Amino acid sequence: MKVFMIGGTGLLGCAAAQMFIDQGGSVRSIALPPLPAGAPIPPEMELTWGNYFEMSDEEILAMMEGCDTFVFAAGVDERVEFPAPVYEAYRKYNIEPVRRFLTLAKQAGIKSSVILGSYFSYFAKSRPDMHLTDWHPYIRSRIEQEETALSFADESMNVAVLELPYIFGTQPGRKPVWVILVEQIHNMDKTGHVTMYPKGGTTMVTVRQVAQTIVGAAERNRGGNAYPIGYYNLTWDDFLHIVHEAMGTPNRKIIHIAKWMFEMYGVKMIRDYKARNVEGGINAVRLADIMCMNTFIDKKWAVSLGVTEDDIKSAIFDSVKLSVDAFTGAQQLVEMKGE
């Protein structure tokens, strides 16, 4: 399998690239510098350093030549802040690149494409009563990204969208997204050494399992399909016990907060956004609807793509430990970029 990938040096793209190569494939990728110090980038991967926004279609088509698989492992998630209207940023980084690259992929004769999306799309579709796309620009953008991607599926090209959940694992030199959680827990010390969190839970996977879904989708998907991905369904309590252990406070108490209390915190967050002239991709008040439920997903879809067991506790532990280092300044790490 000859793969052209956007985001081959990122946490997920790098792991998938190594798996493709280990199975006898080859990978070409466009990636933004700098390379995180110590990152295990496969030496066999053919890297072009640069910003694809600044590259011509002809340049990209030349890199796609001879490839049979395309993977889009780039874009931004809801944690990256932008000035209002935030939806335009999601359109720029998540939607229009997919439209552009899949158009070029068809021209290049690529047979299989895999797009990394969000599990919020699954819940937006399966729980229309929650009106998630009405309240959350990020979720609405992920649905549009998914619809855009699947519109390219036909007899000449298979397209898979992976609706990815919470992901744990680390890449040396890269700042984990979980620094936000570590900071939140640290700030709760002002009210006592407790963690205040709602009841509920979520599904999650490891970085290695995401790599398996990417490779599996490239090999097994036929037609246009969105796959809700999940493997380990943990309550927030179970998850936080691991987080606390990784932070060195295994006996830290968890106090459950009511939904209305979470909503009040959301009001404060929205005021903070306005003061800083940014807009959140997730409505901080209506986030309570999601956080106070079990966003669980059956692992059958992940298994159908070849995902196998992994050590989720170790993956969470490693992610939190590196997040603590980032929060305390013990390590200087590369952060996620918008472009």
C-alpha atoms as a PDB file:
ATOM      1  CA  MET A   1       0.000   0.000   0.000  1.00  0.00           C
ATOM      2  CA  LYS A   2       1.342   3.397  -1.022  1.00  0.00           C
ATOM      3  CA  VAL A   3      -0.008   6.137   1.222  1.00  0.00           C
ATOM      4  CA  PHE A   4      -0.162   9.895   0.901  1.00  0.00           C
ATOM      5  CA  MET A   5      -0.889  11.449   4.283  1.00  0.00           C
ATOM      6  CA  ILE A   6      -1.519  14.912   5.635  1.00  0.00           C
ATOM      7  CA  GLY A   7      -0.172  15.103   9.187  1.00  0.00           C
ATOM      8  CA  GLY A   8       2.376  12.292   9.199  1.00  0.00           C
ATOM      9  CA  THR A   9       4.400  13.757  12.060  1.00  0.00           C
ATOM     10  CA  GLY A  10       1.416  14.274  14.386  1.00  0.00           C
ATOM     11  CA  LEU A  11       0.499  12.020  17.282  1.00  0.00           C
ATOM     12  CA  LEU A  12      -1.971   9.923  15.278  1.00  0.00           C
ATOM     13  CA  GLY A  13      -0.512  10.260  11.794  1.00  0.00           C
ATOM     14  CA  CYS A  14       2.927   9.217  12.954  1.00  0.00           C
ATOM     15  CA  ALA A  15       1.612   6.066  14.639  1.00  0.00           C
ATOM     16  CA  ALA A  16      -0.421   5.149  11.554  1.00  0.00           C
ATOM     17  CA  ALA A  17       2.532   5.819   9.229  1.00  0.00           C
ATOM     18  CA  GLN A  18       4.706   3.450  11.247  1.00  0.00           C
ATOM     19  CA  MET A  19       2.011   0.770  11.090  1.00  0.00           C
ATOM     20  CA  PHE A  20       1.615   1.129   7.321  1.00  0.00           C
ATOM     21  CA  ILE A  21       5.396   0.830   6.934  1.00  0.00           C
ATOM     22  CA  ASP A  22       5.646  -2.152   9.304  1.00  0.00           C
ATOM     23  CA  GLN A  23       3.118  -3.927   7.088  1.00  0.00           C
ATOM     24  CA  GLY A  24       5.213  -3.351   4.001  1.00  0.00           C
ATOM     25  CA  GLY A  25       3.695  -0.105   2.776  1.00  0.00           C
ATOM     26  CA  SER A  26       5.231   3.268   2.020  1.00  0.00           C
ATOM     27  CA  VAL A  27       4.176   6.722   3.217  1.00  0.00           C
ATOM     28  CA  ARG A  28       4.616  10.217   1.847  1.00  0.00           C
ATOM     29  CA  SER A  29       3.482  13.160   3.940  1.00  0.00           C
ATOM     30  CA  ILE A  30       3.299  16.921   4.147  1.00  0.00           C
ATOM     31  CA  ALA A  31       4.013  18.223   7.638  1.00  0.00           C
ATOM     32  CA  LEU A  32       4.617  21.529   9.385  1.00  0.00           C
ATOM     33  CA  PRO A  33       7.875  22.096  11.221  1.00  0.00           C
ATOM     34  CA  PRO A  34       9.154  21.990  13.872  1.00  0.00           C
ATOM     35  CA  LEU A  35       9.544  18.289  14.485  1.00  0.00           C
ATOM     36  CA  PRO A  36       8.997  17.512  18.195  1.00  0.00           C
ATOM     37  CA  ALA A  37      12.277  16.624  19.873  1.00  0.00           C
ATOM     38  CA  GLY A  38      12.557  12.854  20.227  1.00  0.00           C
ATOM     39  CA  ALA A  39       9.447  12.109  18.174  1.00  0.00           C
ATOM     40  CA  PRO A  40       9.653   8.575  16.703  1.00  0.00           C
ATOM     41  CA  ILE A  41       9.132   9.629  13.093  1.00  0.00           C
ATOM     42  CA  PRO A  42       9.617   6.610  10.803  1.00  0.00           C
ATOM     43  CA  PRO A  43      12.877   7.180   8.916  1.00  0.00           C
ATOM     44  CA  GLU A  44      11.346   5.466   5.894  1.00  0.00           C
ATOM     45  CA  MET A  45       8.572   8.064   5.608  1.00  0.00           C
ATOM     46  CA  GLU A  46       9.096  10.521   2.761  1.00  0.00           C
ATOM     47  CA  LEU A  47       8.485  13.943   4.304  1.00  0.00           C
ATOM     48  CA  THR A  48       7.861  17.251   2.603  1.00  0.00           C
ATOM     49  CA  TRP A  49       8.080  20.127   5.064  1.00  0.00           C
ATOM     50  CA  GLY A  50       5.670  22.924   4.380  1.00  0.00           C
ATOM     51  CA  ASN A  51       2.200  24.401   4.626  1.00  0.00           C
ATOM     52  CA  TYR A  52      -0.241  22.779   2.221  1.00  0.00           C
ATOM     53  CA  PHE A  53      -2.297  25.990   2.165  1.00  0.00           C
ATOM     54  CA  GLU A  54       0.630  27.540   0.319  1.00  0.00           C
ATOM     55  CA  MET A  55       1.105  24.640  -2.124  1.00  0.00           C
ATOM     56  CA  SER A  56      -0.434  24.469  -5.563  1.00  0.00           C
ATOM     57  CA  ASP A  57      -2.703  21.657  -6.686  1.00  0.00           C
ATOM     58  CA  GLU A  58       0.015  20.625  -9.133  1.00  0.00           C
ATOM     59  CA  GLU A  59       2.543  20.234  -6.314  1.00  0.00           C
ATOM     60  CA  ILE A  60       0.154  18.090  -4.312  1.00  0.00           C
ATOM     61  CA  LEU A  61      -0.812  15.968  -7.315  1.00  0.00           C
ATOM     62  CA  ALA A  62       2.869  15.289  -7.921  1.00  0.00           C
ATOM     63  CA  MET A  63       3.189  13.974  -4.341  1.00  0.00           C
ATOM     64  CA  MET A  64       0.062  11.836  -4.782  1.00  0.00           C
ATOM     65  CA  GLU A  65       1.403  10.226  -7.958  1.00  0.00           C
ATOM     66  CA  GLY A  66       1.629   6.456  -7.630  1.00  0.00           C
ATOM     67  CA  CYS A  67      -0.275   6.359  -4.303  1.00  0.00           C
ATOM     68  CA  ASP A  68      -3.381   4.240  -3.781  1.00  0.00           C
ATOM     69  CA  THR A  69      -4.396   5.528  -0.325  1.00  0.00           C
ATOM     70  CA  PHE A  70      -4.978   8.986   1.148  1.00  0.00           C
ATOM     71  CA  VAL A  71      -5.182   9.786   4.873  1.00  0.00           C
ATOM     72  CA  PHE A  72      -6.182  13.151   6.321  1.00  0.00           C
ATOM     73  CA  ALA A  73      -4.793  13.183   9.870  1.00  0.00           C
ATOM     74  CA  ALA A  74      -4.715  16.949  10.330  1.00  0.00           C
ATOM     75  CA  GLY A  75      -7.046  19.792  11.198  1.00  0.00           C
ATOM     76  CA  VAL A  76      -8.014  21.225  14.582  1.00  0.00           C
ATOM     77  CA  ASP A  77     -10.342  20.214  17.376  1.00  0.00           C
ATOM     78  CA  GLU A  78     -12.575  22.143  19.761  1.00  0.00           C
ATOM     79  CA  ARG A  79      -9.727  22.946  22.148  1.00  0.00           C
ATOM     80  CA  VAL A  80      -8.019  25.341  19.729  1.00  0.00           C
ATOM     81  CA  GLU A  81      -9.410  28.846  20.212  1.00  0.00           C
ATOM     82  CA  PHE A  82     -10.245  31.262  17.408  1.00  0.00           C
ATOM     83  CA  PRO A  83     -11.848  34.698  17.113  1.00  0.00           C
ATOM     84  CA  ALA A  84     -15.550  34.690  16.267  1.00  0.00           C
ATOM     85  CA  PRO A  85     -17.025  33.335  14.121  1.00  0.00           C
ATOM     86  CA  VAL A  86     -15.229  30.108  15.048  1.00  0.00           C
ATOM     87  CA  TYR A  87     -17.075  28.119  12.384  1.00  0.00           C
ATOM     88  CA  GLU A  88     -15.039  29.839   9.681  1.00  0.00           C
ATOM     89  CA  ALA A  89     -11.860  28.483  11.261  1.00  0.00           C
ATOM     90  CA  TYR A  90     -13.265  24.969  11.258  1.00  0.00           C
ATOM     91  CA  ARG A  91     -14.296  25.429   7.643  1.00  0.00           C
ATOM     92  CA  LYS A  92     -10.760  26.533   6.782  1.00  0.00           C
ATOM     93  CA  TYR A  93      -8.862  23.793   8.618  1.00  0.00           C
ATOM     94  CA  ASN A  94     -11.240  20.820   8.690  1.00  0.00           C
ATOM     95  CA  ILE A  95     -13.765  21.055   5.871  1.00  0.00           C
ATOM     96  CA  GLU A  96     -12.270  22.778   2.836  1.00  0.00           C
ATOM     97  CA  PRO A  97      -8.954  20.840   3.002  1.00  0.00           C
ATOM     98  CA  VAL A  98     -10.942  17.584   2.886  1.00  0.00           C
ATOM     99  CA  ARG A  99     -12.861  18.821  -0.143  1.00  0.00           C
ATOM    100  CA  ARG A 100      -9.650  19.912  -1.856  1.00  0.00           C
ATOM    101  CA  PHE A 101      -7.614  16.789  -1.123  1.00  0.00           C
ATOM    102  CA  LEU A 102     -10.354  14.336  -2.040  1.00  0.00           C
ATOM    103  CA  THR A 103     -10.888  16.186  -5.325  1.00  0.00           C
ATOM    104  CA  LEU A 104      -7.176  15.828  -6.044  1.00  0.00           C
ATOM    105  CA  ALA A 105      -7.127  12.228  -4.795  1.00  0.00           C
ATOM    106  CA  LYS A 106      -9.709  11.296  -7.405  1.00  0.00           C
ATOM    107  CA  GLN A 107      -7.689  13.007 -10.106  1.00  0.00           C
ATOM    108  CA  ALA A 108      -4.632  11.053  -8.970  1.00  0.00           C
ATOM    109  CA  GLY A 109      -6.490   7.732  -9.125  1.00  0.00           C
ATOM    110  CA  ILE A 110      -6.368   7.050  -5.391  1.00  0.00           C
ATOM    111  CA  LYS A 111      -8.685   4.184  -4.470  1.00  0.00           C
ATOM    112  CA  SER A 112      -9.076   4.524  -0.708  1.00  0.00           C
ATOM    113  CA  SER A 113      -9.319   7.585   1.549  1.00  0.00           C
ATOM    114  CA  VAL A 114      -9.520   7.837   5.332  1.00  0.00           C
ATOM    115  CA  ILE A 115     -10.566  11.014   7.146  1.00  0.00           C
ATOM    116  CA  LEU A 116     -10.126  11.494  10.887  1.00  0.00           C
ATOM    117  CA  GLY A 117     -13.268  12.970  12.401  1.00  0.00           C
ATOM    118  CA  SER A 118     -14.978  13.169  15.802  1.00  0.00           C
ATOM    119  CA  TYR A 119     -17.273  10.920  17.826  1.00  0.00           C
ATOM    120  CA  PHE A 120     -19.440  13.967  18.419  1.00  0.00           C
ATOM    121  CA  SER A 121     -20.763  13.314  14.913  1.00  0.00           C
ATOM    122  CA  TYR A 122     -22.020   9.906  15.990  1.00  0.00           C
ATOM    123  CA  PHE A 123     -23.961  11.347  18.907  1.00  0.00           C
ATOM    124  CA  ALA A 124     -25.304  14.217  16.810  1.00  0.00           C
ATOM    125  CA  LYS A 125     -26.781  11.633  14.445  1.00  0.00           C
ATOM    126  CA  SER A 126     -27.906   9.067  17.014  1.00  0.00           C
ATOM    127  CA  ARG A 127     -29.334  11.635  19.473  1.00  0.00           C
ATOM    128  CA  PRO A 128     -31.154  14.228  17.335  1.00  0.00           C
ATOM    129  CA  ASP A 129     -33.205  15.153  20.387  1.00  0.00           C
ATOM    130  CA  MET A 130     -30.085  16.813  21.858  1.00  0.00           C
ATOM    131  CA  HIS A 131     -29.779  19.273  18.920  1.00  0.00           C
ATOM    132  CA  LEU A 132     -25.991  19.117  19.182  1.00  0.00           C
ATOM    133  CA  THR A 133     -25.384  20.757  15.814  1.00  0.00           C
ATOM    134  CA  ASP A 134     -27.610  23.685  16.806  1.00  0.00           C
ATOM    135  CA  TRP A 135     -25.713  24.400  19.995  1.00  0.00           C
ATOM    136  CA  HIS A 136     -22.111  23.548  19.089  1.00  0.00           C
ATOM    137  CA  PRO A 137     -20.312  25.010  16.032  1.00  0.00           C
ATOM    138  CA  TYR A 138     -17.572  22.393  16.308  1.00  0.00           C
ATOM    139  CA  ILE A 139     -20.010  19.485  16.144  1.00  0.00           C
ATOM    140  CA  ARG A 140     -21.856  21.101  13.244  1.00  0.00           C
ATOM    141  CA  SER A 141     -18.540  21.487  11.418  1.00  0.00           C
ATOM    142  CA  ARG A 142     -17.640  17.840  11.974  1.00  0.00           C
ATOM    143  CA  ILE A 143     -20.965  16.788  10.470  1.00  0.00           C
ATOM    144  CA  GLU A 144     -20.290  19.014   7.459  1.00  0.00           C
ATOM    145  CA  GLN A 145     -16.766  17.600   7.167  1.00  0.00           C
ATOM    146  CA  GLU A 146     -18.182  14.079   7.249  1.00  0.00           C
ATOM    147  CA  GLU A 147     -20.855  14.807   4.663  1.00  0.00           C
ATOM    148  CA  THR A 148     -18.273  16.471   2.436  1.00  0.00           C
ATOM    149  CA  ALA A 149     -15.957  13.484   2.653  1.00  0.00           C
ATOM    150  CA  LEU A 150     -18.620  10.857   2.028  1.00  0.00           C
ATOM    151  CA  SER A 151     -19.916  12.745  -1.025  1.00  0.00           C
ATOM    152  CA  PHE A 152     -16.715  11.672  -2.823  1.00  0.00           C
ATOM    153  CA  ALA A 153     -17.324   7.939  -2.332  1.00  0.00           C
ATOM    154  CA  ASP A 154     -18.194   6.059  -5.513  1.00  0.00           C
ATOM    155  CA  GLU A 155     -17.088   3.050  -7.523  1.00  0.00           C
ATOM    156  CA  SER A 156     -13.677   4.627  -8.091  1.00  0.00           C
ATOM    157  CA  MET A 157     -12.831   5.578  -4.496  1.00  0.00           C
ATOM    158  CA  ASN A 158     -13.775   4.241  -1.064  1.00  0.00           C
ATOM    159  CA  VAL A 159     -14.058   6.841   1.705  1.00  0.00           C
ATOM    160  CA  ALA A 160     -14.066   6.159   5.451  1.00  0.00           C
ATOM    161  CA  VAL A 161     -14.596   8.748   8.173  1.00  0.00           C
ATOM    162  CA  LEU A 162     -13.376   7.666  11.602  1.00  0.00           C
ATOM    163  CA  GLU A 163     -15.462   9.223  14.386  1.00  0.00           C
ATOM    164  CA  LEU A 164     -12.740   9.256  17.014  1.00  0.00           C
ATOM    165  CA  PRO A 165     -13.341   9.633  20.781  1.00  0.00           C
ATOM    166  CA  TYR A 166     -11.001  10.482  23.669  1.00  0.00           C
ATOM    167  CA  ILE A 167      -7.514   9.301  22.693  1.00  0.00           C
ATOM    168  CA  PHE A 168      -4.661   8.511  25.069  1.00  0.00           C
ATOM    169  CA  GLY A 169      -0.982   8.029  24.396  1.00  0.00           C
ATOM    170  CA  THR A 170       1.991  10.288  23.936  1.00  0.00           C
ATOM    171  CA  GLN A 171       4.526  11.421  21.405  1.00  0.00           C
ATOM    172  CA  PRO A 172       7.823  12.603  22.886  1.00  0.00           C
ATOM    173  CA  GLY A 173       8.164  16.351  22.470  1.00  0.00           C
ATOM    174  CA  ARG A 174       4.479  17.030  21.713  1.00  0.00           C
ATOM    175  CA  LYS A 175       2.132  18.704  24.193  1.00  0.00           C
ATOM    176  CA  PRO A 176      -0.851  16.489  25.059  1.00  0.00           C
ATOM    177  CA  VAL A 177      -4.363  17.899  24.869  1.00  0.00           C
ATOM    178  CA  TRP A 178      -4.889  16.766  28.465  1.00  0.00           C
ATOM    179  CA  VAL A 179      -2.921  19.675  29.910  1.00  0.00           C
ATOM    180  CA  ILE A 180      -6.309  21.421  30.123  1.00  0.00           C
ATOM    181  CA  LEU A 181      -7.632  18.721  32.467  1.00  0.00           C
ATOM    182  CA  VAL A 182      -4.510  18.834  34.640  1.00  0.00           C
ATOM    183  CA  GLU A 183      -4.875  22.611  34.929  1.00  0.00           C
ATOM    184  CA  GLN A 184      -8.555  22.311  35.852  1.00  0.00           C
ATOM    185  CA  ILE A 185      -7.827  19.794  38.595  1.00  0.00           C
ATOM    186  CA  HIS A 186      -4.953  21.921  39.897  1.00  0.00           C
ATOM    187  CA  ASN A 187      -7.213  24.986  40.072  1.00  0.00           C
ATOM    188  CA  MET A 188      -9.746  23.022  42.125  1.00  0.00           C
ATOM    189  CA  ASP A 189      -7.210  22.922  44.954  1.00  0.00           C
ATOM    190  CA  LYS A 190      -8.400  26.406  45.843  1.00  0.00           C
ATOM    191  CA  THR A 191     -11.612  24.815  47.108  1.00  0.00           C
ATOM    192  CA  GLY A 192      -9.881  21.896  48.815  1.00  0.00           C
ATOM    193  CA  HIS A 193      -8.004  18.854  47.578  1.00  0.00           C
ATOM    194  CA  VAL A 194     -10.982  17.417  45.727  1.00  0.00           C
ATOM    195  CA  THR A 195     -12.009  17.019  42.113  1.00  0.00           C
ATOM    196  CA  MET A 196     -15.502  18.241  41.300  1.00  0.00           C
ATOM    197  CA  TYR A 197     -16.939  16.460  38.282  1.00  0.00           C
ATOM    198  CA  PRO A 198     -20.359  15.366  37.041  1.00  0.00           C
ATOM    199  CA  LYS A 199     -21.623  11.828  36.827  1.00  0.00           C
ATOM    200  CA  GLY A 200     -21.255  10.326  33.386  1.00  0.00           C
ATOM    201  CA  GLY A 201     -18.503   8.847  31.297  1.00  0.00           C
ATOM    202  CA  THR A 202     -17.026   8.409  27.852  1.00  0.00           C
ATOM    203  CA  THR A 203     -15.557   5.945  25.419  1.00  0.00           C
ATOM    204  CA  MET A 204     -11.848   6.036  24.670  1.00  0.00           C
ATOM    205  CA  VAL A 205      -9.033   4.406  22.715  1.00  0.00           C
ATOM    206  CA  THR A 206      -5.247   4.427  22.665  1.00  0.00           C
ATOM    207  CA  VAL A 207      -3.038   5.962  19.996  1.00  0.00           C
ATOM    208  CA  ARG A 208      -2.058   2.488  18.822  1.00  0.00           C
ATOM    209  CA  GLN A 209      -5.714   1.589  18.420  1.00  0.00           C
ATOM    210  CA  VAL A 210      -6.323   4.705  16.327  1.00  0.00           C
ATOM    211  CA  ALA A 211      -3.447   3.642  14.075  1.00  0.00           C
ATOM    212  CA  GLN A 212      -5.138   0.260  13.722  1.00  0.00           C
ATOM    213  CA  THR A 213      -8.421   1.900  12.704  1.00  0.00           C
ATOM    214  CA  ILE A 214      -6.680   4.030  10.083  1.00  0.00           C
ATOM    215  CA  VAL A 215      -4.846   1.086   8.527  1.00  0.00           C
ATOM    216  CA  GLY A 216      -7.915  -1.128   8.859  1.00  0.00           C
ATOM    217  CA  ALA A 217     -10.200   1.423   7.212  1.00  0.00           C
ATOM    218  CA  ALA A 218      -7.735   1.888   4.344  1.00  0.00           C
ATOM    219  CA  GLU A 219      -7.687  -1.860   3.758  1.00  0.00           C
ATOM    220  CA  ARG A 220     -11.246  -2.955   4.571  1.00  0.00           C
ATOM    221  CA  ASN A 221     -13.674  -0.119   3.926  1.00  0.00           C
ATOM    222  CA  ARG A 222     -15.835  -0.353   0.836  1.00  0.00           C
ATOM    223  CA  GLY A 223     -17.981   2.542  -0.342  1.00  0.00           C
ATOM    224  CA  GLY A 224     -18.610   5.553   1.867  1.00  0.00           C
ATOM    225  CA  ASN A 225     -18.945   4.881   5.582  1.00  0.00           C
ATOM    226  CA  ALA A 226     -18.612   6.672   8.917  1.00  0.00           C
ATOM    227  CA  TYR A 227     -17.328   4.457  11.723  1.00  0.00           C
ATOM    228  CA  PRO A 228     -18.096   5.356  15.361  1.00  0.00           C
ATOM    229  CA  ILE A 229     -14.911   4.360  17.170  1.00  0.00           C
ATOM    230  CA  GLY A 230     -14.738   3.333  20.811  1.00  0.00           C
ATOM    231  CA  TYR A 231     -13.238   0.480  22.783  1.00  0.00           C
ATOM    232  CA  TYR A 232     -13.042   1.235  26.501  1.00  0.00           C
ATOM    233  CA  ASN A 233     -16.137   2.742  28.141  1.00  0.00           C
ATOM    234  CA  LEU A 234     -15.176   4.346  31.456  1.00  0.00           C
ATOM    235  CA  THR A 235     -17.211   6.379  33.888  1.00  0.00           C
ATOM    236  CA  TRP A 236     -15.697   9.721  34.855  1.00  0.00           C
ATOM    237  CA  ASP A 237     -15.003   8.285  38.308  1.00  0.00           C
ATOM    238  CA  ASP A 238     -13.006   5.368  36.882  1.00  0.00           C
ATOM    239  CA  PHE A 239     -11.150   7.711  34.568  1.00  0.00           C
ATOM    240  CA  LEU A 240     -10.369  10.254  37.277  1.00  0.00           C
ATOM    241  CA  HIS A 241      -9.004   7.605  39.629  1.00  0.00           C
ATOM    242  CA  ILE A 242      -6.344   6.876  36.993  1.00  0.00           C
ATOM    243  CA  VAL A 243      -5.733  10.586  36.418  1.00  0.00           C
ATOM    244  CA  HIS A 244      -5.302  11.218  40.139  1.00  0.00           C
ATOM    245  CA  GLU A 245      -2.849   8.341  40.424  1.00  0.00           C
ATOM    246  CA  ALA A 246      -0.806   9.716  37.548  1.00  0.00           C
ATOM    247  CA  MET A 247      -0.783  13.147  39.206  1.00  0.00           C
ATOM    248  CA  GLY A 248       0.567  11.621  42.397  1.00  0.00           C
ATOM    249  CA  THR A 249      -2.658  12.044  44.418  1.00  0.00           C
ATOM    250  CA  PRO A 250      -4.262   8.573  44.306  1.00  0.00           C
ATOM    251  CA  ASN A 251      -6.499   9.230  47.308  1.00  0.00           C
ATOM    252  CA  ARG A 252      -7.921  12.493  46.028  1.00  0.00           C
ATOM    253  CA  LYS A 253     -11.670  12.662  46.592  1.00  0.00           C
ATOM    254  CA  ILE A 254     -14.202  13.057  43.787  1.00  0.00           C
ATOM    255  CA  ILE A 255     -17.317  15.122  44.473  1.00  0.00           C
ATOM    256  CA  HIS A 256     -20.166  14.812  41.988  1.00  0.00           C
ATOM    257  CA  ILE A 257     -21.631  18.127  40.901  1.00  0.00           C
ATOM    258  CA  ALA A 258     -25.166  18.635  39.630  1.00  0.00           C
ATOM    259  CA  LYS A 259     -25.812  19.490  36.008  1.00  0.00           C
ATOM    260  CA  TRP A 260     -26.899  23.023  36.917  1.00  0.00           C
ATOM    261  CA  MET A 261     -23.554  23.609  38.614  1.00  0.00           C
ATOM    262  CA  PHE A 262     -21.718  22.560  35.472  1.00  0.00           C
ATOM    263  CA  GLU A 263     -23.929  24.936  33.509  1.00  0.00           C
ATOM    264  CA  MET A 264     -23.019  27.798  35.837  1.00  0.00           C
ATOM    265  CA  TYR A 265     -19.340  27.096  35.195  1.00  0.00           C
ATOM    266  CA  GLY A 266     -20.176  27.234  31.487  1.00  0.00           C
ATOM    267  CA  VAL A 267     -21.623  30.738  31.911  1.00  0.00           C
ATOM    268  CA  LYS A 268     -18.315  31.808  33.432  1.00  0.00           C
ATOM    269  CA  MET A 269     -16.416  30.231  30.509  1.00  0.00           C
ATOM    270  CA  ILE A 270     -18.511  32.095  27.935  1.00  0.00           C
ATOM    271  CA  ARG A 271     -17.860  35.393  29.718  1.00  0.00           C
ATOM    272  CA  ASP A 272     -14.155  34.598  29.643  1.00  0.00           C
ATOM    273  CA  TYR A 273     -14.315  33.898  25.892  1.00  0.00           C
ATOM    274  CA  LYS A 274     -16.013  37.235  25.258  1.00  0.00           C
ATOM    275  CA  ALA A 275     -13.447  39.073  27.352  1.00  0.00           C
ATOM    276  CA  ARG A 276     -10.668  37.532  25.262  1.00  0.00           C
ATOM    277  CA  ASN A 277     -12.551  38.026  21.975  1.00  0.00           C
ATOM    278  CA  VAL A 278     -12.672  34.329  21.146  1.00  0.00           C
ATOM    279  CA  GLU A 279     -15.517  31.920  20.511  1.00  0.00           C
ATOM    280  CA  GLY A 280     -15.642  28.346  21.745  1.00  0.00           C
ATOM    281  CA  GLY A 281     -16.448  25.559  19.332  1.00  0.00           C
ATOM    282  CA  ILE A 282     -18.448  23.873  22.077  1.00  0.00           C
ATOM    283  CA  ASN A 283     -21.142  25.867  23.871  1.00  0.00           C
ATOM    284  CA  ALA A 284     -19.806  25.790  27.425  1.00  0.00           C
ATOM    285  CA  VAL A 285     -23.267  25.795  29.008  1.00  0.00           C
ATOM    286  CA  ARG A 286     -24.779  23.076  26.827  1.00  0.00           C
ATOM    287  CA  LEU A 287     -21.628  21.000  27.227  1.00  0.00           C
ATOM    288  CA  ALA A 288     -23.258  19.903  30.483  1.00  0.00           C
ATOM    289  CA  ASP A 289     -25.726  17.846  28.440  1.00  0.00           C
ATOM    290  CA  ILE A 290     -22.827  15.807  27.075  1.00  0.00           C
ATOM    291  CA  MET A 291     -20.672  15.623  30.180  1.00  0.00           C
ATOM    292  CA  CYS A 292     -23.530  14.391  32.363  1.00  0.00           C
ATOM    293  CA  MET A 293     -24.311  11.394  30.155  1.00  0.00           C
ATOM    294  CA  ASN A 294     -22.453   8.223  29.229  1.00  0.00           C
ATOM    295  CA  THR A 295     -21.073   8.835  25.746  1.00  0.00           C
ATOM    296  CA  PHE A 296     -20.309   5.149  25.304  1.00  0.00           C
ATOM    297  CA  ILE A 297     -19.794   3.360  21.983  1.00  0.00           C
ATOM    298  CA  ASP A 298     -19.860  -0.373  21.320  1.00  0.00           C
ATOM    299  CA  LYS A 299     -16.415  -1.599  20.280  1.00  0.00           C
ATOM    300  CA  LYS A 300     -17.849  -3.682  17.417  1.00  0.00           C
ATOM    301  CA  TRP A 301     -17.058  -1.034  14.793  1.00  0.00           C
ATOM    302  CA  ALA A 302     -13.473  -0.686  15.995  1.00  0.00           C
ATOM    303  CA  VAL A 303     -13.070  -4.476  16.061  1.00  0.00           C
ATOM    304  CA  SER A 304     -14.432  -4.696  12.499  1.00  0.00           C
ATOM    305  CA  LEU A 305     -11.488  -2.527  11.417  1.00  0.00           C
ATOM    306  CA  GLY A 306      -8.948  -4.714  13.193  1.00  0.00           C
ATOM    307  CA  VAL A 307      -8.575  -2.997  16.559  1.00  0.00           C
ATOM    308  CA  THR A 308      -7.243  -5.205  19.349  1.00  0.00           C
ATOM    309  CA  GLU A 309      -6.830  -4.884  23.112  1.00  0.00           C
ATOM    310  CA  ASP A 310      -4.374  -2.375  24.549  1.00  0.00           C
ATOM    311  CA  ASP A 311      -3.403  -1.018  27.961  1.00  0.00           C
ATOM    312  CA  ILE A 312      -5.716   1.958  28.348  1.00  0.00           C
ATOM    313  CA  LYS A 313      -4.654   2.623  31.937  1.00  0.00           C
ATOM    314  CA  SER A 314      -1.001   2.970  30.940  1.00  0.00           C
ATOM    315  CA  ALA A 315      -1.966   5.205  28.004  1.00  0.00           C
ATOM    316  CA  ILE A 316      -3.980   7.509  30.295  1.00  0.00           C
ATOM    317  CA  PHE A 317      -1.201   7.463  32.879  1.00  0.00           C
ATOM    318  CA  ASP A 318       1.464   8.419  30.307  1.00  0.00           C
ATOM    319  CA  SER A 319      -0.716  11.180  28.840  1.00  0.00           C
ATOM    320  CA  VAL A 320      -1.366  12.734  32.239  1.00  0.00           C
ATOM    321  CA  LYS A 321       2.265  12.483  33.366  1.00  0.00           C
ATOM    322  CA  LEU A 322       3.434  14.325  30.239  1.00  0.00           C
ATOM    323  CA  SER A 323       0.617  16.851  30.715  1.00  0.00           C
ATOM    324  CA  VAL A 324       1.829  17.525  34.249  1.00  0.00           C
ATOM    325  CA  ASP A 325       5.339  18.129  32.875  1.00  0.00           C
ATOM    326  CA  ALA A 326       3.912  20.566  30.331  1.00  0.00           C
ATOM    327  CA  PHE A 327       1.813  22.341  32.966  1.00  0.00           C
ATOM    328  CA  THR A 328       4.730  22.720  35.387  1.00  0.00           C
ATOM    329  CA  GLY A 329       7.213  23.677  32.685  1.00  0.00           C
ATOM    330  CA  ALA A 330       9.350  20.594  33.277  1.00  0.00           C
ATOM    331  CA  GLN A 331       9.404  20.001  29.517  1.00  0.00           C
ATOM    332  CA  GLN A 332       9.173  22.365  26.562  1.00  0.00           C
ATOM    333  CA  LEU A 333       6.758  20.783  24.124  1.00  0.00           C
ATOM    334  CA  VAL A 334       5.424  21.542  20.649  1.00  0.00           C
ATOM    335  CA  GLU A 335       1.762  22.589  20.695  1.00  0.00           C
ATOM    336  CA  MET A 336      -1.041  21.955  18.217  1.00  0.00           C
ATOM    337  CA  LYS A 337      -1.168  24.545  15.453  1.00  0.00           C
ATOM    338  CA  GLY A 338      -4.062  25.867  13.469  1.00  0.00           C
ATOM    339  CA  GLU A 339      -2.177  25.561  10.212  1.00  0.00           C
END
